[in-house]
Amino acid sequence: MNYFIKVLQNYANFNGRARRSEYWYFVLFNMLVYIALAVAGYALKFEMLPMIYNLAVLVPSLAVGVRRLHDVNKSGWYLLIPIYNLILLVTDGDRGDNQYGADPKAVLEL
């Protein structure tokens, strides 16, 4: 849950790097919230509720995806390549600093 909140707090930050755990926990909680809102929207006869939520988290989703690709030393534009981006998103990040910033794992280990 902390990663979900952290991503929402950095909603428009496309600089830096994001660990795999930050990205995938955001994806997990994003899907759980979406499902809960879809059920609530169906019960309340307001089916647009999950679509409004998707629009609200569009920029944070793109930002964390770009930061995740920065962790494997790739440009954020690789999000546009369907299969390759999934491979990059599950790949372990570069050890040490790269052109996009400091290693987020090394920062946490201090």
PDB file of N, CA and C in Angstrom:
ATOM      1  N   MET A   1       0.826  -1.194   0.000  1.00  0.00           N
ATOM      2  CA  MET A   1       0.000   0.000   0.000  1.00  0.00           C
ATOM      3  C   MET A   1       0.872   1.260   0.000  1.00  0.00           C
ATOM      4  N   ASN A   2       2.024   1.184   0.684  1.00  0.00           N
ATOM      5  CA  ASN A   2       2.907   2.352   0.732  1.00  0.00           C
ATOM      6  C   ASN A   2       3.424   2.727  -0.650  1.00  0.00           C
ATOM      7  N   TYR A   3       3.706   1.722  -1.477  1.00  0.00           N
ATOM      8  CA  TYR A   3       4.188   2.008  -2.833  1.00  0.00           C
ATOM      9  C   TYR A   3       3.104   2.697  -3.658  1.00  0.00           C
ATOM     10  N   PHE A   4       1.852   2.288  -3.479  1.00  0.00           N
ATOM     11  CA  PHE A   4       0.741   2.898  -4.202  1.00  0.00           C
ATOM     12  C   PHE A   4       0.644   4.384  -3.848  1.00  0.00           C
ATOM     13  N   ILE A   5       0.724   4.674  -2.565  1.00  0.00           N
ATOM     14  CA  ILE A   5       0.655   6.068  -2.110  1.00  0.00           C
ATOM     15  C   ILE A   5       1.879   6.849  -2.572  1.00  0.00           C
ATOM     16  N   LYS A   6       3.053   6.199  -2.533  1.00  0.00           N
ATOM     17  CA  LYS A   6       4.286   6.864  -2.980  1.00  0.00           C
ATOM     18  C   LYS A   6       4.195   7.257  -4.449  1.00  0.00           C
ATOM     19  N   VAL A   7       3.643   6.361  -5.275  1.00  0.00           N
ATOM     20  CA  VAL A   7       3.497   6.663  -6.706  1.00  0.00           C
ATOM     21  C   VAL A   7       2.507   7.805  -6.900  1.00  0.00           C
ATOM     22  N   LEU A   8       1.407   7.802  -6.154  1.00  0.00           N
ATOM     23  CA  LEU A   8       0.433   8.879  -6.298  1.00  0.00           C
ATOM     24  C   LEU A   8       0.998  10.216  -5.825  1.00  0.00           C
ATOM     25  N   GLN A   9       1.884  10.195  -4.833  1.00  0.00           N
ATOM     26  CA  GLN A   9       2.512  11.439  -4.387  1.00  0.00           C
ATOM     27  C   GLN A   9       3.490  11.975  -5.424  1.00  0.00           C
ATOM     28  N   ASN A  10       4.126  11.097  -6.167  1.00  0.00           N
ATOM     29  CA  ASN A  10       5.049  11.495  -7.249  1.00  0.00           C
ATOM     30  C   ASN A  10       4.346  11.382  -8.592  1.00  0.00           C
ATOM     31  N   TYR A  11       3.104  11.796  -8.672  1.00  0.00           N
ATOM     32  CA  TYR A  11       2.247  11.500  -9.817  1.00  0.00           C
ATOM     33  C   TYR A  11       2.766  12.009 -11.152  1.00  0.00           C
ATOM     34  N   ALA A  12       3.526  13.077 -11.171  1.00  0.00           N
ATOM     35  CA  ALA A  12       3.999  13.603 -12.456  1.00  0.00           C
ATOM     36  C   ALA A  12       5.521  13.630 -12.520  1.00  0.00           C
ATOM     37  N   ASN A  13       6.177  12.812 -11.720  1.00  0.00           N
ATOM     38  CA  ASN A  13       7.630  12.768 -11.697  1.00  0.00           C
ATOM     39  C   ASN A  13       8.112  11.696 -12.669  1.00  0.00           C
ATOM     40  N   PHE A  14       8.620  12.127 -13.812  1.00  0.00           N
ATOM     41  CA  PHE A  14       9.114  11.209 -14.828  1.00  0.00           C
ATOM     42  C   PHE A  14      10.632  11.060 -14.752  1.00  0.00           C
ATOM     43  N   ASN A  15      11.251  11.653 -13.742  1.00  0.00           N
ATOM     44  CA  ASN A  15      12.699  11.577 -13.566  1.00  0.00           C
ATOM     45  C   ASN A  15      13.039  10.595 -12.465  1.00  0.00           C
ATOM     46  N   GLY A  16      14.211  10.009 -12.572  1.00  0.00           N
ATOM     47  CA  GLY A  16      14.656   9.089 -11.537  1.00  0.00           C
ATOM     48  C   GLY A  16      14.351   7.649 -11.898  1.00  0.00           C
ATOM     49  N   ARG A  17      14.401   6.799 -10.877  1.00  0.00           N
ATOM     50  CA  ARG A  17      14.260   5.364 -11.080  1.00  0.00           C
ATOM     51  C   ARG A  17      13.258   4.797 -10.089  1.00  0.00           C
ATOM     52  N   ALA A  18      12.575   3.733 -10.499  1.00  0.00           N
ATOM     53  CA  ALA A  18      11.620   3.040  -9.632  1.00  0.00           C
ATOM     54  C   ALA A  18      11.982   1.555  -9.585  1.00  0.00           C
ATOM     55  N   ARG A  19      11.998   0.992  -8.405  1.00  0.00           N
ATOM     56  CA  ARG A  19      12.292  -0.431  -8.238  1.00  0.00           C
ATOM     57  C   ARG A  19      11.150  -1.273  -8.789  1.00  0.00           C
ATOM     58  N   ARG A  20      11.446  -2.551  -9.023  1.00  0.00           N
ATOM     59  CA  ARG A  20      10.411  -3.478  -9.484  1.00  0.00           C
ATOM     60  C   ARG A  20       9.258  -3.539  -8.490  1.00  0.00           C
ATOM     61  N   SER A  21       9.591  -3.598  -7.209  1.00  0.00           N
ATOM     62  CA  SER A  21       8.532  -3.708  -6.191  1.00  0.00           C
ATOM     63  C   SER A  21       7.615  -2.492  -6.217  1.00  0.00           C
ATOM     64  N   GLU A  22       8.177  -1.299  -6.381  1.00  0.00           N
ATOM     65  CA  GLU A  22       7.348  -0.095  -6.451  1.00  0.00           C
ATOM     66  C   GLU A  22       6.381  -0.182  -7.622  1.00  0.00           C
ATOM     67  N   TYR A  23       6.897  -0.561  -8.772  1.00  0.00           N
ATOM     68  CA  TYR A  23       6.047  -0.640  -9.963  1.00  0.00           C
ATOM     69  C   TYR A  23       4.981  -1.723  -9.813  1.00  0.00           C
ATOM     70  N   TRP A  24       5.354  -2.930  -9.453  1.00  0.00           N
ATOM     71  CA  TRP A  24       4.396  -4.036  -9.438  1.00  0.00           C
ATOM     72  C   TRP A  24       3.403  -3.946  -8.299  1.00  0.00           C
ATOM     73  N   TYR A  25       3.810  -3.390  -7.142  1.00  0.00           N
ATOM     74  CA  TYR A  25       2.819  -3.163  -6.083  1.00  0.00           C
ATOM     75  C   TYR A  25       1.825  -2.088  -6.504  1.00  0.00           C
ATOM     76  N   PHE A  26       2.289  -1.087  -7.221  1.00  0.00           N
ATOM     77  CA  PHE A  26       1.357  -0.086  -7.744  1.00  0.00           C
ATOM     78  C   PHE A  26       0.360  -0.730  -8.702  1.00  0.00           C
ATOM     79  N   VAL A  27       0.856  -1.593  -9.588  1.00  0.00           N
ATOM     80  CA  VAL A  27      -0.034  -2.277 -10.533  1.00  0.00           C
ATOM     81  C   VAL A  27      -1.053  -3.137  -9.777  1.00  0.00           C
ATOM     82  N   LEU A  28      -0.587  -3.880  -8.765  1.00  0.00           N
ATOM     83  CA  LEU A  28      -1.481  -4.735  -7.985  1.00  0.00           C
ATOM     84  C   LEU A  28      -2.580  -3.936  -7.304  1.00  0.00           C
ATOM     85  N   PHE A  29      -2.206  -2.897  -6.541  1.00  0.00           N
ATOM     86  CA  PHE A  29      -3.210  -2.107  -5.838  1.00  0.00           C
ATOM     87  C   PHE A  29      -4.084  -1.317  -6.796  1.00  0.00           C
ATOM     88  N   ASN A  30      -3.544  -0.914  -7.923  1.00  0.00           N
ATOM     89  CA  ASN A  30      -4.331  -0.228  -8.938  1.00  0.00           C
ATOM     90  C   ASN A  30      -5.442  -1.152  -9.463  1.00  0.00           C
ATOM     91  N   MET A  31      -5.092  -2.413  -9.714  1.00  0.00           N
ATOM     92  CA  MET A  31      -6.097  -3.370 -10.185  1.00  0.00           C
ATOM     93  C   MET A  31      -7.134  -3.651  -9.112  1.00  0.00           C
ATOM     94  N   LEU A  32      -6.708  -3.769  -7.848  1.00  0.00           N
ATOM     95  CA  LEU A  32      -7.661  -4.022  -6.763  1.00  0.00           C
ATOM     96  C   LEU A  32      -8.643  -2.862  -6.590  1.00  0.00           C
ATOM     97  N   VAL A  33      -8.121  -1.640  -6.653  1.00  0.00           N
ATOM     98  CA  VAL A  33      -8.994  -0.465  -6.551  1.00  0.00           C
ATOM     99  C   VAL A  33      -9.941  -0.406  -7.741  1.00  0.00           C
ATOM    100  N   TYR A  34      -9.432  -0.701  -8.929  1.00  0.00           N
ATOM    101  CA  TYR A  34     -10.277  -0.693 -10.120  1.00  0.00           C
ATOM    102  C   TYR A  34     -11.422  -1.705  -9.990  1.00  0.00           C
ATOM    103  N   ILE A  35     -11.112  -2.919  -9.537  1.00  0.00           N
ATOM    104  CA  ILE A  35     -12.148  -3.947  -9.385  1.00  0.00           C
ATOM    105  C   ILE A  35     -13.175  -3.519  -8.342  1.00  0.00           C
ATOM    106  N   ALA A  36     -12.702  -2.966  -7.226  1.00  0.00           N
ATOM    107  CA  ALA A  36     -13.630  -2.498  -6.189  1.00  0.00           C
ATOM    108  C   ALA A  36     -14.533  -1.388  -6.725  1.00  0.00           C
ATOM    109  N   LEU A  37     -13.962  -0.468  -7.483  1.00  0.00           N
ATOM    110  CA  LEU A  37     -14.773   0.613  -8.049  1.00  0.00           C
ATOM    111  C   LEU A  37     -15.721   0.106  -9.124  1.00  0.00           C
ATOM    112  N   ALA A  38     -15.315  -0.907  -9.873  1.00  0.00           N
ATOM    113  CA  ALA A  38     -16.211  -1.484 -10.884  1.00  0.00           C
ATOM    114  C   ALA A  38     -17.411  -2.137 -10.213  1.00  0.00           C
ATOM    115  N   VAL A  39     -17.176  -2.856  -9.132  1.00  0.00           N
ATOM    116  CA  VAL A  39     -18.281  -3.492  -8.399  1.00  0.00           C
ATOM    117  C   VAL A  39     -19.175  -2.422  -7.779  1.00  0.00           C
ATOM    118  N   ALA A  40     -18.555  -1.411  -7.160  1.00  0.00           N
ATOM    119  CA  ALA A  40     -19.338  -0.332  -6.554  1.00  0.00           C
ATOM    120  C   ALA A  40     -20.111   0.450  -7.617  1.00  0.00           C
ATOM    121  N   GLY A  41     -19.480   0.701  -8.746  1.00  0.00           N
ATOM    122  CA  GLY A  41     -20.160   1.420  -9.820  1.00  0.00           C
ATOM    123  C   GLY A  41     -21.336   0.639 -10.377  1.00  0.00           C
ATOM    124  N   TYR A  42     -21.172  -0.665 -10.476  1.00  0.00           N
ATOM    125  CA  TYR A  42     -22.278  -1.501 -10.942  1.00  0.00           C
ATOM    126  C   TYR A  42     -23.412  -1.505  -9.928  1.00  0.00           C
ATOM    127  N   ALA A  43     -23.083  -1.581  -8.640  1.00  0.00           N
ATOM    128  CA  ALA A  43     -24.106  -1.593  -7.592  1.00  0.00           C
ATOM    129  C   ALA A  43     -24.836  -0.258  -7.509  1.00  0.00           C
ATOM    130  N   LEU A  44     -24.118   0.821  -7.759  1.00  0.00           N
ATOM    131  CA  LEU A  44     -24.710   2.163  -7.685  1.00  0.00           C
ATOM    132  C   LEU A  44     -25.295   2.630  -9.012  1.00  0.00           C
ATOM    133  N   LYS A  45     -25.247   1.765 -10.014  1.00  0.00           N
ATOM    134  CA  LYS A  45     -25.727   2.095 -11.365  1.00  0.00           C
ATOM    135  C   LYS A  45     -24.970   3.283 -11.961  1.00  0.00           C
ATOM    136  N   PHE A  46     -23.671   3.341 -11.636  1.00  0.00           N
ATOM    137  CA  PHE A  46     -22.792   4.385 -12.165  1.00  0.00           C
ATOM    138  C   PHE A  46     -21.561   3.701 -12.750  1.00  0.00           C
ATOM    139  N   GLU A  47     -21.729   3.119 -13.939  1.00  0.00           N
ATOM    140  CA  GLU A  47     -20.683   2.315 -14.566  1.00  0.00           C
ATOM    141  C   GLU A  47     -19.472   3.128 -15.014  1.00  0.00           C
ATOM    142  N   MET A  48     -19.567   4.434 -15.004  1.00  0.00           N
ATOM    143  CA  MET A  48     -18.456   5.295 -15.416  1.00  0.00           C
ATOM    144  C   MET A  48     -17.408   5.445 -14.315  1.00  0.00           C
ATOM    145  N   LEU A  49     -17.696   4.996 -13.112  1.00  0.00           N
ATOM    146  CA  LEU A  49     -16.798   5.179 -11.977  1.00  0.00           C
ATOM    147  C   LEU A  49     -15.397   4.601 -12.214  1.00  0.00           C
ATOM    148  N   PRO A  50     -15.256   3.350 -12.672  1.00  0.00           N
ATOM    149  CA  PRO A  50     -13.897   2.852 -12.910  1.00  0.00           C
ATOM    150  C   PRO A  50     -13.183   3.577 -14.060  1.00  0.00           C
ATOM    151  N   MET A  51     -13.931   4.060 -15.033  1.00  0.00           N
ATOM    152  CA  MET A  51     -13.313   4.797 -16.135  1.00  0.00           C
ATOM    153  C   MET A  51     -12.779   6.147 -15.646  1.00  0.00           C
ATOM    154  N   ILE A  52     -13.496   6.778 -14.747  1.00  0.00           N
ATOM    155  CA  ILE A  52     -13.029   8.037 -14.162  1.00  0.00           C
ATOM    156  C   ILE A  52     -11.763   7.792 -13.349  1.00  0.00           C
ATOM    157  N   TYR A  53     -11.755   6.685 -12.616  1.00  0.00           N
ATOM    158  CA  TYR A  53     -10.562   6.328 -11.851  1.00  0.00           C
ATOM    159  C   TYR A  53      -9.369   6.089 -12.780  1.00  0.00           C
ATOM    160  N   ASN A  54      -9.584   5.380 -13.875  1.00  0.00           N
ATOM    161  CA  ASN A  54      -8.501   5.129 -14.831  1.00  0.00           C
ATOM    162  C   ASN A  54      -7.923   6.426 -15.377  1.00  0.00           C
ATOM    163  N   LEU A  55      -8.771   7.384 -15.662  1.00  0.00           N
ATOM    164  CA  LEU A  55      -8.282   8.687 -16.132  1.00  0.00           C
ATOM    165  C   LEU A  55      -7.502   9.406 -15.040  1.00  0.00           C
ATOM    166  N   ALA A  56      -7.927   9.235 -13.783  1.00  0.00           N
ATOM    167  CA  ALA A  56      -7.247   9.903 -12.670  1.00  0.00           C
ATOM    168  C   ALA A  56      -5.846   9.340 -12.442  1.00  0.00           C
ATOM    169  N   VAL A  57      -5.644   8.051 -12.681  1.00  0.00           N
ATOM    170  CA  VAL A  57      -4.330   7.444 -12.428  1.00  0.00           C
ATOM    171  C   VAL A  57      -3.528   7.228 -13.705  1.00  0.00           C
ATOM    172  N   LEU A  58      -3.962   7.800 -14.814  1.00  0.00           N
ATOM    173  CA  LEU A  58      -3.241   7.644 -16.070  1.00  0.00           C
ATOM    174  C   LEU A  58      -1.829   8.228 -15.995  1.00  0.00           C
ATOM    175  N   VAL A  59      -1.707   9.459 -15.551  1.00  0.00           N
ATOM    176  CA  VAL A  59      -0.389  10.110 -15.474  1.00  0.00           C
ATOM    177  C   VAL A  59       0.508   9.416 -14.447  1.00  0.00           C
ATOM    178  N   PRO A  60       0.021   9.089 -13.226  1.00  0.00           N
ATOM    179  CA  PRO A  60       0.896   8.351 -12.309  1.00  0.00           C
ATOM    180  C   PRO A  60       1.331   6.989 -12.861  1.00  0.00           C
ATOM    181  N   SER A  61       0.467   6.315 -13.588  1.00  0.00           N
ATOM    182  CA  SER A  61       0.824   5.021 -14.175  1.00  0.00           C
ATOM    183  C   SER A  61       1.925   5.172 -15.211  1.00  0.00           C
ATOM    184  N   LEU A  62       1.810   6.173 -16.049  1.00  0.00           N
ATOM    185  CA  LEU A  62       2.849   6.424 -17.043  1.00  0.00           C
ATOM    186  C   LEU A  62       4.159   6.828 -16.371  1.00  0.00           C
ATOM    187  N   ALA A  63       4.062   7.659 -15.338  1.00  0.00           N
ATOM    188  CA  ALA A  63       5.268   8.143 -14.664  1.00  0.00           C
ATOM    189  C   ALA A  63       6.021   6.999 -13.995  1.00  0.00           C
ATOM    190  N   VAL A  64       5.317   6.110 -13.302  1.00  0.00           N
ATOM    191  CA  VAL A  64       6.006   4.996 -12.639  1.00  0.00           C
ATOM    192  C   VAL A  64       6.543   4.014 -13.684  1.00  0.00           C
ATOM    193  N   GLY A  65       5.865   3.868 -14.796  1.00  0.00           N
ATOM    194  CA  GLY A  65       6.377   3.014 -15.868  1.00  0.00           C
ATOM    195  C   GLY A  65       7.664   3.555 -16.465  1.00  0.00           C
ATOM    196  N   VAL A  66       7.706   4.858 -16.668  1.00  0.00           N
ATOM    197  CA  VAL A  66       8.917   5.491 -17.206  1.00  0.00           C
ATOM    198  C   VAL A  66      10.055   5.362 -16.204  1.00  0.00           C
ATOM    199  N   ARG A  67       9.769   5.618 -14.923  1.00  0.00           N
ATOM    200  CA  ARG A  67      10.818   5.490 -13.911  1.00  0.00           C
ATOM    201  C   ARG A  67      11.295   4.048 -13.796  1.00  0.00           C
ATOM    202  N   ARG A  68      10.394   3.081 -13.990  1.00  0.00           N
ATOM    203  CA  ARG A  68      10.794   1.670 -13.948  1.00  0.00           C
ATOM    204  C   ARG A  68      11.738   1.352 -15.105  1.00  0.00           C
ATOM    205  N   LEU A  69      11.442   1.875 -16.286  1.00  0.00           N
ATOM    206  CA  LEU A  69      12.330   1.662 -17.427  1.00  0.00           C
ATOM    207  C   LEU A  69      13.668   2.361 -17.229  1.00  0.00           C
ATOM    208  N   HIS A  70      13.657   3.494 -16.546  1.00  0.00           N
ATOM    209  CA  HIS A  70      14.914   4.168 -16.235  1.00  0.00           C
ATOM    210  C   HIS A  70      15.780   3.292 -15.337  1.00  0.00           C
ATOM    211  N   ASP A  71      15.161   2.474 -14.499  1.00  0.00           N
ATOM    212  CA  ASP A  71      15.929   1.610 -13.602  1.00  0.00           C
ATOM    213  C   ASP A  71      16.702   0.546 -14.378  1.00  0.00           C
ATOM    214  N   VAL A  72      16.214   0.155 -15.550  1.00  0.00           N
ATOM    215  CA  VAL A  72      16.946  -0.808 -16.387  1.00  0.00           C
ATOM    216  C   VAL A  72      17.734  -0.089 -17.484  1.00  0.00           C
ATOM    217  N   ASN A  73      17.917   1.225 -17.290  1.00  0.00           N
ATOM    218  CA  ASN A  73      18.728   2.065 -18.180  1.00  0.00           C
ATOM    219  C   ASN A  73      18.162   2.160 -19.596  1.00  0.00           C
ATOM    220  N   LYS A  74      16.840   2.251 -19.679  1.00  0.00           N
ATOM    221  CA  LYS A  74      16.166   2.434 -20.968  1.00  0.00           C
ATOM    222  C   LYS A  74      15.333   3.707 -20.913  1.00  0.00           C
ATOM    223  N   SER A  75      15.070   4.253 -22.079  1.00  0.00           N
ATOM    224  CA  SER A  75      14.221   5.432 -22.190  1.00  0.00           C
ATOM    225  C   SER A  75      12.768   5.063 -21.917  1.00  0.00           C
ATOM    226  N   GLY A  76      12.004   6.035 -21.475  1.00  0.00           N
ATOM    227  CA  GLY A  76      10.587   5.824 -21.237  1.00  0.00           C
ATOM    228  C   GLY A  76       9.795   5.523 -22.497  1.00  0.00           C
ATOM    229  N   TRP A  77      10.352   5.843 -23.648  1.00  0.00           N
ATOM    230  CA  TRP A  77       9.678   5.575 -24.912  1.00  0.00           C
ATOM    231  C   TRP A  77       9.507   4.086 -25.166  1.00  0.00           C
ATOM    232  N   TYR A  78      10.270   3.244 -24.469  1.00  0.00           N
ATOM    233  CA  TYR A  78      10.131   1.796 -24.628  1.00  0.00           C
ATOM    234  C   TYR A  78       8.789   1.290 -24.117  1.00  0.00           C
ATOM    235  N   LEU A  79       8.043   2.115 -23.395  1.00  0.00           N
ATOM    236  CA  LEU A  79       6.687   1.729 -22.990  1.00  0.00           C
ATOM    237  C   LEU A  79       5.788   1.496 -24.202  1.00  0.00           C
ATOM    238  N   LEU A  80       6.139   2.074 -25.327  1.00  0.00           N
ATOM    239  CA  LEU A  80       5.313   1.951 -26.528  1.00  0.00           C
ATOM    240  C   LEU A  80       5.531   0.643 -27.280  1.00  0.00           C
ATOM    241  N   ILE A  81       6.539  -0.133 -26.890  1.00  0.00           N
ATOM    242  CA  ILE A  81       6.816  -1.407 -27.564  1.00  0.00           C
ATOM    243  C   ILE A  81       6.194  -2.522 -26.727  1.00  0.00           C
ATOM    244  N   PRO A  82       5.112  -3.148 -27.180  1.00  0.00           N
ATOM    245  CA  PRO A  82       4.281  -4.012 -26.334  1.00  0.00           C
ATOM    246  C   PRO A  82       4.979  -5.157 -25.594  1.00  0.00           C
ATOM    247  N   ILE A  83       5.610  -6.075 -26.256  1.00  0.00           N
ATOM    248  CA  ILE A  83       6.156  -7.247 -25.570  1.00  0.00           C
ATOM    249  C   ILE A  83       7.481  -6.906 -24.888  1.00  0.00           C
ATOM    250  N   TYR A  84       8.299  -6.138 -25.567  1.00  0.00           N
ATOM    251  CA  TYR A  84       9.622  -5.798 -25.040  1.00  0.00           C
ATOM    252  C   TYR A  84       9.509  -5.017 -23.736  1.00  0.00           C
ATOM    253  N   ASN A  85       8.516  -4.133 -23.630  1.00  0.00           N
ATOM    254  CA  ASN A  85       8.394  -3.352 -22.398  1.00  0.00           C
ATOM    255  C   ASN A  85       8.048  -4.250 -21.210  1.00  0.00           C
ATOM    256  N   LEU A  86       7.265  -5.286 -21.430  1.00  0.00           N
ATOM    257  CA  LEU A  86       6.945  -6.216 -20.337  1.00  0.00           C
ATOM    258  C   LEU A  86       8.205  -6.938 -19.866  1.00  0.00           C
ATOM    259  N   ILE A  87       9.049  -7.333 -20.808  1.00  0.00           N
ATOM    260  CA  ILE A  87      10.316  -7.975 -20.449  1.00  0.00           C
ATOM    261  C   ILE A  87      11.172  -7.010 -19.631  1.00  0.00           C
ATOM    262  N   LEU A  88      11.226  -5.754 -20.041  1.00  0.00           N
ATOM    263  CA  LEU A  88      12.016  -4.765 -19.310  1.00  0.00           C
ATOM    264  C   LEU A  88      11.429  -4.496 -17.926  1.00  0.00           C
ATOM    265  N   LEU A  89      10.101  -4.499 -17.806  1.00  0.00           N
ATOM    266  CA  LEU A  89       9.465  -4.194 -16.529  1.00  0.00           C
ATOM    267  C   LEU A  89       9.699  -5.277 -15.481  1.00  0.00           C
ATOM    268  N   VAL A  90       9.948  -6.513 -15.914  1.00  0.00           N
ATOM    269  CA  VAL A  90      10.201  -7.586 -14.949  1.00  0.00           C
ATOM    270  C   VAL A  90      11.697  -7.829 -14.738  1.00  0.00           C
ATOM    271  N   THR A  91      12.545  -7.155 -15.500  1.00  0.00           N
ATOM    272  CA  THR A  91      13.990  -7.314 -15.379  1.00  0.00           C
ATOM    273  C   THR A  91      14.499  -6.556 -14.157  1.00  0.00           C
ATOM    274  N   ASP A  92      15.482  -7.133 -13.487  1.00  0.00           N
ATOM    275  CA  ASP A  92      16.103  -6.469 -12.350  1.00  0.00           C
ATOM    276  C   ASP A  92      16.811  -5.203 -12.821  1.00  0.00           C
ATOM    277  N   GLY A  93      16.772  -4.163 -12.014  1.00  0.00           N
ATOM    278  CA  GLY A  93      17.386  -2.890 -12.377  1.00  0.00           C
ATOM    279  C   GLY A  93      18.904  -2.942 -12.351  1.00  0.00           C
ATOM    280  N   ASP A  94      19.512  -1.944 -12.960  1.00  0.00           N
ATOM    281  CA  ASP A  94      20.972  -1.836 -12.991  1.00  0.00           C
ATOM    282  C   ASP A  94      21.507  -1.603 -11.583  1.00  0.00           C
ATOM    283  N   ARG A  95      22.596  -2.251 -11.269  1.00  0.00           N
ATOM    284  CA  ARG A  95      23.285  -2.011  -9.998  1.00  0.00           C
ATOM    285  C   ARG A  95      24.080  -0.718 -10.131  1.00  0.00           C
ATOM    286  N   GLY A  96      24.053   0.066  -9.106  1.00  0.00           N
ATOM    287  CA  GLY A  96      24.791   1.328  -9.117  1.00  0.00           C
ATOM    288  C   GLY A  96      24.059   2.408  -9.894  1.00  0.00           C
ATOM    289  N   ASP A  97      24.709   3.526 -10.004  1.00  0.00           N
ATOM    290  CA  ASP A  97      24.117   4.669 -10.704  1.00  0.00           C
ATOM    291  C   ASP A  97      24.105   4.428 -12.207  1.00  0.00           C
ATOM    292  N   ASN A  98      23.118   5.007 -12.866  1.00  0.00           N
ATOM    293  CA  ASN A  98      23.111   5.037 -14.323  1.00  0.00           C
ATOM    294  C   ASN A  98      22.751   6.457 -14.751  1.00  0.00           C
ATOM    295  N   GLN A  99      22.521   6.667 -16.030  1.00  0.00           N
ATOM    296  CA  GLN A  99      22.275   8.024 -16.530  1.00  0.00           C
ATOM    297  C   GLN A  99      20.983   8.639 -15.997  1.00  0.00           C
ATOM    298  N   TYR A 100      20.113   7.832 -15.393  1.00  0.00           N
ATOM    299  CA  TYR A 100      18.835   8.339 -14.899  1.00  0.00           C
ATOM    300  C   TYR A 100      18.820   8.587 -13.397  1.00  0.00           C
ATOM    301  N   GLY A 101      19.887   8.234 -12.709  1.00  0.00           N
ATOM    302  CA  GLY A 101      19.939   8.527 -11.282  1.00  0.00           C
ATOM    303  C   GLY A 101      20.593   7.429 -10.475  1.00  0.00           C
ATOM    304  N   ALA A 102      20.479   7.583  -9.169  1.00  0.00           N
ATOM    305  CA  ALA A 102      21.085   6.646  -8.230  1.00  0.00           C
ATOM    306  C   ALA A 102      20.271   5.348  -8.157  1.00  0.00           C
ATOM    307  N   ASP A 103      20.924   4.291  -7.771  1.00  0.00           N
ATOM    308  CA  ASP A 103      20.282   2.991  -7.609  1.00  0.00           C
ATOM    309  C   ASP A 103      19.302   3.060  -6.433  1.00  0.00           C
ATOM    310  N   PRO A 104      17.995   2.837  -6.658  1.00  0.00           N
ATOM    311  CA  PRO A 104      17.047   2.927  -5.549  1.00  0.00           C
ATOM    312  C   PRO A 104      17.253   1.840  -4.504  1.00  0.00           C
ATOM    313  N   LYS A 105      17.792   0.700  -4.867  1.00  0.00           N
ATOM    314  CA  LYS A 105      18.075  -0.345  -3.886  1.00  0.00           C
ATOM    315  C   LYS A 105      19.226   0.071  -2.982  1.00  0.00           C
ATOM    316  N   ALA A 106      20.241   0.703  -3.544  1.00  0.00           N
ATOM    317  CA  ALA A 106      21.395   1.141  -2.759  1.00  0.00           C
ATOM    318  C   ALA A 106      20.984   2.224  -1.783  1.00  0.00           C
ATOM    319  N   VAL A 107      20.072   3.072  -2.171  1.00  0.00           N
ATOM    320  CA  VAL A 107      19.589   4.152  -1.291  1.00  0.00           C
ATOM    321  C   VAL A 107      18.876   3.555  -0.091  1.00  0.00           C
ATOM    322  N   LEU A 108      18.101   2.483  -0.288  1.00  0.00           N
ATOM    323  CA  LEU A 108      17.365   1.851   0.797  1.00  0.00           C
ATOM    324  C   LEU A 108      18.274   1.050   1.712  1.00  0.00           C
ATOM    325  N   GLU A 109      19.403   0.565   1.209  1.00  0.00           N
ATOM    326  CA  GLU A 109      20.287  -0.263   2.024  1.00  0.00           C
ATOM    327  C   GLU A 109      21.171   0.557   2.952  1.00  0.00           C
ATOM    328  N   LEU A 110      21.258   1.864   2.767  1.00  0.00           N
ATOM    329  CA  LEU A 110      22.128   2.688   3.627  1.00  0.00           C
ATOM    330  C   LEU A 110      21.629   2.789   5.025  1.00  0.00           C
TER     331      LEU A 110
END
